[in-house]
Amino acid sequence: MNKLIVTLMTLLLTACGGGSGGSEGSSNSQPASNTAQASVTNTTQTQSSNQVQQDNVTEQQASSTEEQVSEEQPVDEVPVGEGMEAVVVDGGFDFQTDVPVTVSVAPDVVNGRAYINVCQQDAALTNDDTCFLRAPVDSNGLTVQLELPHSEQKLKAEIWYYSTGVEPLVYTWEFDGTQQQQAWTIN
């Protein structure tokens, strides 16, 4: 802002000094330009000292505000940290969100060679990114332990037969909060 004012004053004084020297001659125009430069210098120095005074007042106000705030804070208050230091967690919370689920395919659910995919229920495609288990299954059944990333996970199981003439079997599962151990028996 100060630079803008100085620039405008310089242009104004230069424009005024150049217009008045036409009738007096060239010897009088020189002192007018020196006077303009002196005025600009004085204006710049005055603005600089005003800026320093304003900065000093601002610093004094900020320090008095900090003193007021520090006087208002109770002494026994615990200082609040940043990031993870600011997180307050109940002592019983262990930060574990993984949910172990035992998946059992009962014997004789399939009567030939088949393949089971256990995936996210809402997944549009059955692929490695959305599935937790992809394994062969036969008439002896299958039991595996899965680790789900959280309890809100809903699953679907699709049992595909190697023979193309048989439709796949589809099952669904949701977390049951009433059970201590999560188990899913497919029969």
N, C-alpha and C. Protein backbone atom coordinates (compact mmCIF):
# COMPACT_ATOMS: atom_id res chain seq x y z
N MET A 1 0.82 -1.18 0.00
CA MET A 1 0.00 0.00 0.00
C MET A 1 0.87 1.25 0.00
N ASN A 2 1.93 1.25 0.82
CA ASN A 2 2.83 2.40 0.89
C ASN A 2 3.54 2.63 -0.44
N LYS A 3 3.94 1.56 -1.09
CA LYS A 3 4.62 1.69 -2.38
C LYS A 3 3.69 2.29 -3.43
N LEU A 4 2.42 1.93 -3.35
CA LEU A 4 1.44 2.46 -4.29
C LEU A 4 1.29 3.97 -4.09
N ILE A 5 1.21 4.41 -2.85
CA ILE A 5 1.06 5.83 -2.56
C ILE A 5 2.29 6.60 -3.03
N VAL A 6 3.48 6.08 -2.74
CA VAL A 6 4.72 6.74 -3.15
C VAL A 6 4.79 6.83 -4.67
N THR A 7 4.42 5.78 -5.35
CA THR A 7 4.46 5.78 -6.81
C THR A 7 3.47 6.79 -7.37
N LEU A 8 2.28 6.84 -6.82
CA LEU A 8 1.27 7.80 -7.30
C LEU A 8 1.72 9.24 -7.03
N MET A 9 2.28 9.49 -5.85
CA MET A 9 2.77 10.83 -5.53
C MET A 9 3.88 11.24 -6.48
N THR A 10 4.78 10.35 -6.78
CA THR A 10 5.88 10.64 -7.70
C THR A 10 5.35 10.99 -9.08
N LEU A 11 4.40 10.20 -9.56
CA LEU A 11 3.82 10.47 -10.87
C LEU A 11 3.07 11.80 -10.88
N LEU A 12 2.34 12.08 -9.81
CA LEU A 12 1.59 13.33 -9.72
C LEU A 12 2.52 14.53 -9.69
N LEU A 13 3.55 14.45 -8.87
CA LEU A 13 4.49 15.58 -8.77
C LEU A 13 5.29 15.76 -10.06
N THR A 14 5.67 14.69 -10.69
CA THR A 14 6.40 14.78 -11.95
C THR A 14 5.52 15.39 -13.03
N ALA A 15 4.26 14.99 -13.06
CA ALA A 15 3.34 15.52 -14.07
C ALA A 15 3.09 17.00 -13.83
N CYS A 16 2.93 17.42 -12.59
CA CYS A 16 2.69 18.83 -12.28
C CYS A 16 3.94 19.66 -12.54
N GLY A 17 5.09 19.16 -12.21
CA GLY A 17 6.34 19.90 -12.40
C GLY A 17 6.66 20.09 -13.86
N GLY A 18 6.35 19.16 -14.70
CA GLY A 18 6.65 19.27 -16.13
C GLY A 18 5.73 20.25 -16.83
N GLY A 19 4.50 20.42 -16.37
CA GLY A 19 3.54 21.31 -17.03
C GLY A 19 3.77 22.76 -16.69
N SER A 20 4.31 23.13 -15.53
CA SER A 20 4.46 24.52 -15.13
C SER A 20 5.74 25.16 -15.67
N GLY A 21 6.65 24.38 -16.19
CA GLY A 21 7.94 24.93 -16.62
C GLY A 21 7.92 25.47 -18.03
N GLY A 22 6.82 25.45 -18.74
CA GLY A 22 6.77 25.89 -20.13
C GLY A 22 6.96 27.38 -20.29
N SER A 23 6.44 28.25 -19.44
CA SER A 23 6.53 29.69 -19.63
C SER A 23 7.73 30.31 -18.91
N GLU A 24 8.30 29.64 -17.93
CA GLU A 24 9.38 30.22 -17.15
C GLU A 24 10.75 29.93 -17.72
N GLY A 25 10.91 28.90 -18.47
CA GLY A 25 12.22 28.60 -19.02
C GLY A 25 12.79 27.34 -18.41
N SER A 26 13.92 26.91 -18.95
CA SER A 26 14.48 25.65 -18.53
C SER A 26 15.21 25.75 -17.20
N SER A 27 15.68 26.92 -16.82
CA SER A 27 16.43 27.02 -15.59
C SER A 27 15.55 26.86 -14.35
N ASN A 28 14.28 27.24 -14.43
CA ASN A 28 13.36 27.10 -13.30
C ASN A 28 12.80 25.69 -13.16
N SER A 29 12.79 24.90 -14.23
CA SER A 29 12.22 23.55 -14.15
C SER A 29 13.11 22.63 -13.33
N GLN A 30 14.40 22.89 -13.28
CA GLN A 30 15.31 22.05 -12.50
C GLN A 30 14.99 22.11 -11.02
N PRO A 31 14.82 23.28 -10.40
CA PRO A 31 14.50 23.32 -8.99
C PRO A 31 13.16 22.66 -8.70
N ALA A 32 12.20 22.75 -9.60
CA ALA A 32 10.90 22.13 -9.36
C ALA A 32 11.06 20.63 -9.25
N SER A 33 11.87 20.03 -10.07
CA SER A 33 12.07 18.58 -10.01
C SER A 33 12.80 18.20 -8.73
N ASN A 34 13.74 19.03 -8.27
CA ASN A 34 14.41 18.75 -7.00
C ASN A 34 13.44 18.85 -5.84
N THR A 35 12.53 19.79 -5.91
CA THR A 35 11.51 19.95 -4.87
C THR A 35 10.60 18.74 -4.85
N ALA A 36 10.25 18.22 -6.03
CA ALA A 36 9.38 17.04 -6.11
C ALA A 36 10.08 15.83 -5.50
N GLN A 37 11.37 15.69 -5.78
CA GLN A 37 12.09 14.56 -5.22
C GLN A 37 12.20 14.68 -3.71
N ALA A 38 12.39 15.87 -3.22
CA ALA A 38 12.48 16.09 -1.78
C ALA A 38 11.15 15.79 -1.11
N SER A 39 10.05 16.19 -1.75
CA SER A 39 8.72 15.91 -1.20
C SER A 39 8.46 14.42 -1.13
N VAL A 40 8.84 13.71 -2.18
CA VAL A 40 8.63 12.25 -2.21
C VAL A 40 9.46 11.60 -1.13
N THR A 41 10.71 12.06 -0.93
CA THR A 41 11.56 11.49 0.09
C THR A 41 10.97 11.73 1.47
N ASN A 42 10.51 12.96 1.72
CA ASN A 42 9.90 13.27 3.01
C ASN A 42 8.65 12.44 3.24
N THR A 43 7.82 12.30 2.20
CA THR A 43 6.59 11.50 2.31
C THR A 43 6.93 10.05 2.61
N THR A 44 7.93 9.51 1.93
CA THR A 44 8.33 8.12 2.15
C THR A 44 8.84 7.92 3.57
N GLN A 45 9.64 8.86 4.06
CA GLN A 45 10.17 8.73 5.42
C GLN A 45 9.04 8.82 6.45
N THR A 46 8.09 9.72 6.22
CA THR A 46 6.96 9.86 7.14
C THR A 46 6.12 8.60 7.16
N GLN A 47 5.86 8.03 5.97
CA GLN A 47 5.07 6.80 5.89
C GLN A 47 5.80 5.64 6.55
N SER A 48 7.12 5.58 6.39
CA SER A 48 7.89 4.50 7.02
C SER A 48 7.83 4.60 8.53
N SER A 49 7.97 5.84 9.07
CA SER A 49 7.91 5.97 10.52
C SER A 49 6.51 5.68 11.03
N ASN A 50 5.47 6.05 10.27
CA ASN A 50 4.09 5.70 10.66
C ASN A 50 3.91 4.19 10.69
N GLN A 51 4.48 3.49 9.72
CA GLN A 51 4.35 2.03 9.66
C GLN A 51 5.03 1.39 10.86
N VAL A 52 6.20 1.90 11.24
CA VAL A 52 6.92 1.36 12.40
C VAL A 52 6.09 1.57 13.65
N GLN A 53 5.48 2.76 13.78
CA GLN A 53 4.65 3.02 14.96
C GLN A 53 3.44 2.09 14.99
N GLN A 54 2.82 1.87 13.82
CA GLN A 54 1.67 0.96 13.76
C GLN A 54 2.09 -0.47 14.13
N ASP A 55 3.25 -0.91 13.66
CA ASP A 55 3.73 -2.24 13.98
C ASP A 55 3.97 -2.38 15.48
N ASN A 56 4.55 -1.34 16.11
CA ASN A 56 4.79 -1.37 17.55
C ASN A 56 3.49 -1.47 18.33
N VAL A 57 2.47 -0.70 17.90
CA VAL A 57 1.17 -0.75 18.57
C VAL A 57 0.54 -2.13 18.43
N THR A 58 0.63 -2.72 17.25
CA THR A 58 0.07 -4.05 17.00
C THR A 58 0.75 -5.09 17.89
N GLU A 59 2.09 -5.02 18.00
CA GLU A 59 2.81 -5.97 18.84
C GLU A 59 2.42 -5.83 20.30
N GLN A 60 2.24 -4.57 20.76
CA GLN A 60 1.84 -4.34 22.14
C GLN A 60 0.45 -4.91 22.40
N GLN A 61 -0.46 -4.72 21.45
CA GLN A 61 -1.82 -5.26 21.60
C GLN A 61 -1.79 -6.78 21.64
N ALA A 62 -1.00 -7.40 20.79
CA ALA A 62 -0.92 -8.86 20.76
C ALA A 62 -0.35 -9.40 22.06
N SER A 63 0.69 -8.74 22.60
CA SER A 63 1.28 -9.24 23.84
C SER A 63 0.32 -9.04 25.01
N SER A 64 -0.45 -7.94 25.02
CA SER A 64 -1.41 -7.75 26.11
C SER A 64 -2.56 -8.75 26.00
N THR A 65 -2.96 -9.11 24.78
CA THR A 65 -4.00 -10.12 24.59
C THR A 65 -3.50 -11.48 25.08
N GLU A 66 -2.25 -11.82 24.78
CA GLU A 66 -1.69 -13.09 25.24
C GLU A 66 -1.63 -13.13 26.77
N GLU A 67 -1.29 -11.99 27.39
CA GLU A 67 -1.24 -11.95 28.85
C GLU A 67 -2.63 -12.15 29.44
N GLN A 68 -3.65 -11.55 28.81
CA GLN A 68 -5.01 -11.70 29.30
C GLN A 68 -5.46 -13.15 29.18
N VAL A 69 -5.16 -13.79 28.06
CA VAL A 69 -5.56 -15.18 27.85
C VAL A 69 -4.85 -16.08 28.86
N SER A 70 -3.55 -15.84 29.09
CA SER A 70 -2.82 -16.69 30.03
C SER A 70 -3.32 -16.49 31.45
N GLU A 71 -3.79 -15.29 31.80
CA GLU A 71 -4.34 -15.05 33.13
C GLU A 71 -5.67 -15.74 33.32
N GLU A 72 -6.45 -15.90 32.23
CA GLU A 72 -7.78 -16.49 32.32
C GLU A 72 -7.74 -18.01 32.40
N GLN A 73 -6.68 -18.67 31.94
CA GLN A 73 -6.61 -20.13 31.94
C GLN A 73 -6.36 -20.65 33.34
N PRO A 74 -7.10 -21.70 33.74
CA PRO A 74 -6.84 -22.28 35.06
C PRO A 74 -5.46 -22.95 35.08
N VAL A 75 -4.86 -22.99 36.27
CA VAL A 75 -3.50 -23.50 36.43
C VAL A 75 -3.44 -25.01 36.26
N ASP A 76 -4.48 -25.75 36.71
CA ASP A 76 -4.42 -27.21 36.70
C ASP A 76 -4.88 -27.83 35.38
N GLU A 77 -5.13 -27.03 34.36
CA GLU A 77 -5.57 -27.56 33.07
C GLU A 77 -4.41 -28.25 32.35
N VAL A 78 -4.70 -29.41 31.76
CA VAL A 78 -3.69 -30.17 31.02
C VAL A 78 -3.54 -29.54 29.64
N PRO A 79 -2.33 -29.24 29.20
CA PRO A 79 -2.15 -28.65 27.88
C PRO A 79 -2.57 -29.64 26.78
N VAL A 80 -3.20 -29.12 25.75
CA VAL A 80 -3.67 -29.95 24.64
C VAL A 80 -2.56 -30.04 23.60
N GLY A 81 -2.23 -31.27 23.18
CA GLY A 81 -1.20 -31.47 22.18
C GLY A 81 -1.78 -31.39 20.79
N GLU A 82 -0.97 -31.73 19.83
CA GLU A 82 -1.40 -31.75 18.44
C GLU A 82 -1.32 -33.17 17.92
N GLY A 83 -2.10 -33.46 16.89
CA GLY A 83 -2.07 -34.78 16.26
C GLY A 83 -2.52 -35.87 17.19
N MET A 84 -1.76 -36.95 17.27
CA MET A 84 -2.13 -38.10 18.10
C MET A 84 -2.05 -37.77 19.59
N GLU A 85 -1.28 -36.75 19.96
CA GLU A 85 -1.19 -36.36 21.37
C GLU A 85 -2.52 -35.81 21.87
N ALA A 86 -3.34 -35.28 20.98
CA ALA A 86 -4.62 -34.69 21.36
C ALA A 86 -5.73 -35.73 21.50
N VAL A 87 -5.49 -36.97 21.11
CA VAL A 87 -6.51 -38.01 21.15
C VAL A 87 -6.65 -38.55 22.57
N VAL A 88 -7.88 -38.56 23.07
CA VAL A 88 -8.16 -39.10 24.39
C VAL A 88 -8.95 -40.39 24.19
N VAL A 89 -8.41 -41.49 24.70
CA VAL A 89 -9.01 -42.80 24.46
C VAL A 89 -9.27 -43.49 25.80
N ASP A 90 -10.40 -44.17 25.87
CA ASP A 90 -10.74 -44.96 27.06
C ASP A 90 -9.68 -46.03 27.26
N GLY A 91 -9.31 -46.30 28.50
CA GLY A 91 -8.26 -47.27 28.82
C GLY A 91 -8.57 -48.68 28.36
N GLY A 92 -9.85 -49.05 28.24
CA GLY A 92 -10.22 -50.39 27.82
C GLY A 92 -10.19 -50.60 26.31
N PHE A 93 -10.03 -49.53 25.54
CA PHE A 93 -10.02 -49.65 24.08
C PHE A 93 -8.63 -50.07 23.62
N ASP A 94 -8.56 -51.16 22.83
CA ASP A 94 -7.26 -51.71 22.43
C ASP A 94 -6.88 -51.41 20.98
N PHE A 95 -7.63 -50.57 20.29
CA PHE A 95 -7.35 -50.17 18.91
C PHE A 95 -7.41 -51.34 17.92
N GLN A 96 -7.98 -52.44 18.31
CA GLN A 96 -8.12 -53.59 17.41
C GLN A 96 -9.50 -53.56 16.77
N THR A 97 -9.56 -53.48 15.46
CA THR A 97 -10.84 -53.50 14.76
C THR A 97 -11.03 -54.79 13.98
N ASP A 98 -9.98 -55.60 13.89
CA ASP A 98 -10.09 -56.86 13.16
C ASP A 98 -11.08 -57.79 13.86
N VAL A 99 -11.87 -58.48 13.04
CA VAL A 99 -12.87 -59.41 13.57
C VAL A 99 -12.55 -60.80 13.03
N PRO A 100 -12.21 -61.76 13.89
CA PRO A 100 -11.98 -63.12 13.40
C PRO A 100 -13.33 -63.82 13.18
N VAL A 101 -13.44 -64.47 12.04
CA VAL A 101 -14.66 -65.20 11.69
C VAL A 101 -14.26 -66.60 11.23
N THR A 102 -14.91 -67.61 11.82
CA THR A 102 -14.68 -68.98 11.39
C THR A 102 -15.74 -69.33 10.35
N VAL A 103 -15.28 -69.65 9.15
CA VAL A 103 -16.18 -70.02 8.06
C VAL A 103 -16.09 -71.54 7.89
N SER A 104 -17.26 -72.21 7.98
CA SER A 104 -17.30 -73.68 7.83
C SER A 104 -18.30 -74.05 6.75
N VAL A 105 -17.80 -74.79 5.79
CA VAL A 105 -18.68 -75.37 4.77
C VAL A 105 -18.93 -76.81 5.22
N ALA A 106 -20.17 -77.12 5.49
CA ALA A 106 -20.53 -78.45 6.01
C ALA A 106 -20.23 -79.52 4.96
N PRO A 107 -19.93 -80.75 5.43
CA PRO A 107 -19.72 -81.86 4.48
C PRO A 107 -20.99 -82.09 3.66
N ASP A 108 -20.81 -82.49 2.48
CA ASP A 108 -21.90 -82.82 1.55
C ASP A 108 -22.73 -81.62 1.11
N VAL A 109 -22.25 -80.37 1.30
CA VAL A 109 -22.92 -79.21 0.69
C VAL A 109 -22.70 -79.28 -0.80
N VAL A 110 -21.51 -79.68 -1.18
CA VAL A 110 -21.22 -79.89 -2.60
C VAL A 110 -20.99 -81.38 -2.81
N ASN A 111 -21.37 -81.86 -3.99
CA ASN A 111 -21.22 -83.28 -4.27
C ASN A 111 -20.16 -83.54 -5.32
N GLY A 112 -19.37 -82.56 -5.63
CA GLY A 112 -18.28 -82.72 -6.59
C GLY A 112 -17.23 -81.66 -6.32
N ARG A 113 -16.37 -81.47 -7.29
CA ARG A 113 -15.34 -80.44 -7.13
C ARG A 113 -15.95 -79.06 -7.32
N ALA A 114 -15.60 -78.13 -6.39
CA ALA A 114 -16.15 -76.77 -6.47
C ALA A 114 -15.11 -75.79 -5.94
N TYR A 115 -15.45 -74.54 -6.04
CA TYR A 115 -14.55 -73.46 -5.64
C TYR A 115 -15.37 -72.44 -4.86
N ILE A 116 -14.88 -71.98 -3.69
CA ILE A 116 -15.63 -71.02 -2.89
C ILE A 116 -14.92 -69.66 -2.92
N ASN A 117 -15.72 -68.62 -3.09
CA ASN A 117 -15.26 -67.23 -2.98
C ASN A 117 -16.03 -66.59 -1.83
N VAL A 118 -15.33 -66.08 -0.83
CA VAL A 118 -15.96 -65.32 0.24
C VAL A 118 -15.51 -63.87 0.05
N CYS A 119 -16.48 -63.00 -0.28
CA CYS A 119 -16.17 -61.63 -0.66
C CYS A 119 -17.08 -60.64 0.06
N GLN A 120 -16.82 -59.37 -0.13
CA GLN A 120 -17.69 -58.33 0.39
C GLN A 120 -19.06 -58.46 -0.27
N GLN A 121 -20.11 -58.32 0.53
CA GLN A 121 -21.46 -58.53 0.02
C GLN A 121 -21.83 -57.50 -1.05
N ASP A 122 -21.41 -56.28 -0.92
CA ASP A 122 -21.81 -55.24 -1.87
C ASP A 122 -20.87 -55.12 -3.07
N ALA A 123 -19.87 -55.97 -3.17
CA ALA A 123 -18.92 -55.90 -4.28
C ALA A 123 -19.59 -56.33 -5.58
N ALA A 124 -19.40 -55.52 -6.60
CA ALA A 124 -19.99 -55.82 -7.90
C ALA A 124 -19.24 -56.97 -8.60
N LEU A 125 -17.92 -57.01 -8.41
CA LEU A 125 -17.10 -58.03 -9.05
C LEU A 125 -16.45 -58.92 -8.01
N THR A 126 -16.30 -60.18 -8.34
CA THR A 126 -15.61 -61.12 -7.48
C THR A 126 -14.15 -61.14 -7.93
N ASN A 127 -13.30 -60.40 -7.20
CA ASN A 127 -11.88 -60.36 -7.56
C ASN A 127 -11.03 -60.31 -6.29
N ASP A 128 -9.72 -60.31 -6.46
CA ASP A 128 -8.80 -60.34 -5.32
C ASP A 128 -8.95 -59.14 -4.39
N ASP A 129 -9.35 -57.99 -4.93
CA ASP A 129 -9.46 -56.79 -4.11
C ASP A 129 -10.66 -56.83 -3.16
N THR A 130 -11.70 -57.56 -3.51
CA THR A 130 -12.92 -57.56 -2.70
C THR A 130 -13.15 -58.88 -1.97
N CYS A 131 -12.26 -59.85 -2.14
CA CYS A 131 -12.46 -61.18 -1.54
C CYS A 131 -11.50 -61.44 -0.39
N PHE A 132 -11.98 -62.23 0.59
CA PHE A 132 -11.18 -62.62 1.75
C PHE A 132 -10.72 -64.07 1.64
N LEU A 133 -11.42 -64.87 0.84
CA LEU A 133 -11.08 -66.28 0.69
C LEU A 133 -11.44 -66.74 -0.71
N ARG A 134 -10.53 -67.47 -1.32
CA ARG A 134 -10.77 -68.13 -2.60
C ARG A 134 -10.06 -69.47 -2.50
N ALA A 135 -10.87 -70.55 -2.41
CA ALA A 135 -10.26 -71.86 -2.16
C ALA A 135 -11.13 -72.97 -2.76
N PRO A 136 -10.50 -74.10 -3.07
CA PRO A 136 -11.29 -75.25 -3.53
C PRO A 136 -12.03 -75.89 -2.36
N VAL A 137 -13.17 -76.46 -2.65
CA VAL A 137 -13.98 -77.17 -1.65
C VAL A 137 -14.52 -78.44 -2.30
N ASP A 138 -14.67 -79.50 -1.49
CA ASP A 138 -15.22 -80.75 -2.02
C ASP A 138 -16.25 -81.29 -1.03
N SER A 139 -16.64 -82.54 -1.19
CA SER A 139 -17.70 -83.13 -0.36
C SER A 139 -17.27 -83.32 1.10
N ASN A 140 -15.99 -83.16 1.43
CA ASN A 140 -15.52 -83.24 2.82
C ASN A 140 -15.77 -81.95 3.61
N GLY A 141 -16.08 -80.88 2.91
CA GLY A 141 -16.31 -79.60 3.57
C GLY A 141 -15.02 -78.80 3.70
N LEU A 142 -15.11 -77.70 4.44
CA LEU A 142 -13.97 -76.80 4.59
C LEU A 142 -14.19 -75.93 5.83
N THR A 143 -13.14 -75.72 6.62
CA THR A 143 -13.21 -74.81 7.75
C THR A 143 -11.96 -73.92 7.71
N VAL A 144 -12.18 -72.60 7.71
CA VAL A 144 -11.08 -71.63 7.67
C VAL A 144 -11.38 -70.48 8.63
N GLN A 145 -10.31 -69.83 9.07
CA GLN A 145 -10.42 -68.65 9.93
C GLN A 145 -10.09 -67.41 9.09
N LEU A 146 -11.00 -66.43 9.04
CA LEU A 146 -10.78 -65.18 8.31
C LEU A 146 -10.62 -64.03 9.29
N GLU A 147 -9.90 -63.01 8.90
CA GLU A 147 -9.78 -61.77 9.67
C GLU A 147 -10.41 -60.66 8.84
N LEU A 148 -11.55 -60.15 9.32
CA LEU A 148 -12.22 -59.04 8.65
C LEU A 148 -11.67 -57.73 9.18
N PRO A 149 -11.60 -56.70 8.37
CA PRO A 149 -11.04 -55.43 8.83
C PRO A 149 -11.89 -54.69 9.85
N HIS A 150 -13.20 -54.96 9.89
CA HIS A 150 -14.07 -54.32 10.88
C HIS A 150 -15.38 -55.08 10.98
N SER A 151 -16.15 -54.81 12.03
CA SER A 151 -17.37 -55.57 12.29
C SER A 151 -18.52 -55.21 11.38
N GLU A 152 -18.44 -54.09 10.69
CA GLU A 152 -19.52 -53.68 9.79
C GLU A 152 -19.47 -54.41 8.45
N GLN A 153 -18.49 -55.24 8.26
CA GLN A 153 -18.31 -55.95 7.00
C GLN A 153 -19.41 -57.00 6.82
N LYS A 154 -20.07 -56.98 5.67
CA LYS A 154 -21.06 -58.00 5.32
C LYS A 154 -20.44 -58.87 4.22
N LEU A 155 -20.67 -60.17 4.33
CA LEU A 155 -20.02 -61.10 3.40
C LEU A 155 -21.02 -61.87 2.57
N LYS A 156 -20.55 -62.33 1.44
CA LYS A 156 -21.30 -63.30 0.63
C LYS A 156 -20.34 -64.41 0.23
N ALA A 157 -20.87 -65.60 0.18
CA ALA A 157 -20.08 -66.75 -0.27
C ALA A 157 -20.74 -67.29 -1.53
N GLU A 158 -19.93 -67.53 -2.52
CA GLU A 158 -20.40 -68.14 -3.77
C GLU A 158 -19.61 -69.42 -3.98
N ILE A 159 -20.33 -70.52 -4.09
CA ILE A 159 -19.70 -71.80 -4.36
C ILE A 159 -19.96 -72.13 -5.82
N TRP A 160 -18.89 -72.15 -6.59
CA TRP A 160 -18.96 -72.40 -8.02
C TRP A 160 -18.48 -73.82 -8.30
N TYR A 161 -19.22 -74.54 -9.08
CA TYR A 161 -18.82 -75.89 -9.50
C TYR A 161 -17.95 -75.80 -10.74
N TYR A 162 -17.04 -76.75 -10.85
CA TYR A 162 -16.17 -76.78 -12.02
C TYR A 162 -16.97 -77.11 -13.27
N SER A 163 -18.02 -77.83 -13.11
CA SER A 163 -18.88 -78.15 -14.25
C SER A 163 -19.74 -76.92 -14.54
N THR A 164 -19.84 -76.53 -15.78
CA THR A 164 -20.52 -75.30 -16.14
C THR A 164 -22.05 -75.42 -16.15
N GLY A 165 -22.56 -76.60 -16.05
CA GLY A 165 -24.01 -76.78 -16.11
C GLY A 165 -24.71 -76.55 -14.78
N VAL A 166 -23.98 -76.31 -13.69
CA VAL A 166 -24.59 -76.15 -12.37
C VAL A 166 -24.48 -74.69 -11.94
N GLU A 167 -25.59 -74.13 -11.48
CA GLU A 167 -25.60 -72.75 -10.99
C GLU A 167 -24.83 -72.65 -9.68
N PRO A 168 -24.18 -71.50 -9.43
CA PRO A 168 -23.45 -71.34 -8.17
C PRO A 168 -24.40 -71.20 -6.98
N LEU A 169 -23.93 -71.65 -5.81
CA LEU A 169 -24.68 -71.50 -4.57
C LEU A 169 -24.24 -70.19 -3.92
N VAL A 170 -25.21 -69.40 -3.43
CA VAL A 170 -24.89 -68.09 -2.86
C VAL A 170 -25.42 -68.01 -1.44
N TYR A 171 -24.56 -67.57 -0.50
CA TYR A 171 -24.91 -67.43 0.91
C TYR A 171 -24.45 -66.05 1.39
N THR A 172 -25.12 -65.50 2.42
CA THR A 172 -24.73 -64.21 2.97
C THR A 172 -24.53 -64.31 4.48
N TRP A 173 -23.73 -63.37 5.02
CA TRP A 173 -23.44 -63.34 6.45
C TRP A 173 -23.27 -61.90 6.92
N GLU A 174 -23.73 -61.63 8.18
CA GLU A 174 -23.52 -60.34 8.82
C GLU A 174 -23.00 -60.56 10.23
N PHE A 175 -22.29 -59.58 10.76
CA PHE A 175 -21.76 -59.61 12.12
C PHE A 175 -22.91 -59.72 13.12
N ASP A 176 -22.75 -60.61 14.12
CA ASP A 176 -23.75 -60.79 15.17
C ASP A 176 -23.12 -60.36 16.49
N GLY A 177 -23.54 -59.19 16.99
CA GLY A 177 -22.97 -58.64 18.21
C GLY A 177 -23.26 -59.44 19.46
N THR A 178 -24.25 -60.34 19.41
CA THR A 178 -24.60 -61.14 20.59
C THR A 178 -23.65 -62.32 20.77
N GLN A 179 -22.90 -62.69 19.73
CA GLN A 179 -21.98 -63.82 19.81
C GLN A 179 -20.59 -63.37 20.25
N GLN A 180 -19.97 -64.15 21.14
CA GLN A 180 -18.59 -63.90 21.54
C GLN A 180 -17.64 -64.20 20.39
N GLN A 181 -17.81 -65.35 19.77
CA GLN A 181 -17.00 -65.78 18.63
C GLN A 181 -17.87 -65.72 17.37
N GLN A 182 -17.37 -65.09 16.34
CA GLN A 182 -18.12 -64.99 15.09
C GLN A 182 -17.89 -66.26 14.27
N ALA A 183 -19.00 -66.91 13.92
CA ALA A 183 -18.90 -68.14 13.13
C ALA A 183 -19.95 -68.09 12.03
N TRP A 184 -19.59 -68.67 10.90
CA TRP A 184 -20.51 -68.73 9.76
C TRP A 184 -20.47 -70.16 9.25
N THR A 185 -21.58 -70.87 9.45
CA THR A 185 -21.68 -72.26 8.98
C THR A 185 -22.55 -72.28 7.74
N ILE A 186 -21.97 -72.78 6.67
CA ILE A 186 -22.69 -72.89 5.40
C ILE A 186 -23.13 -74.34 5.25
N ASN A 187 -24.45 -74.56 5.26
CA ASN A 187 -24.96 -75.92 5.07
C ASN A 187 -26.21 -75.92 4.23
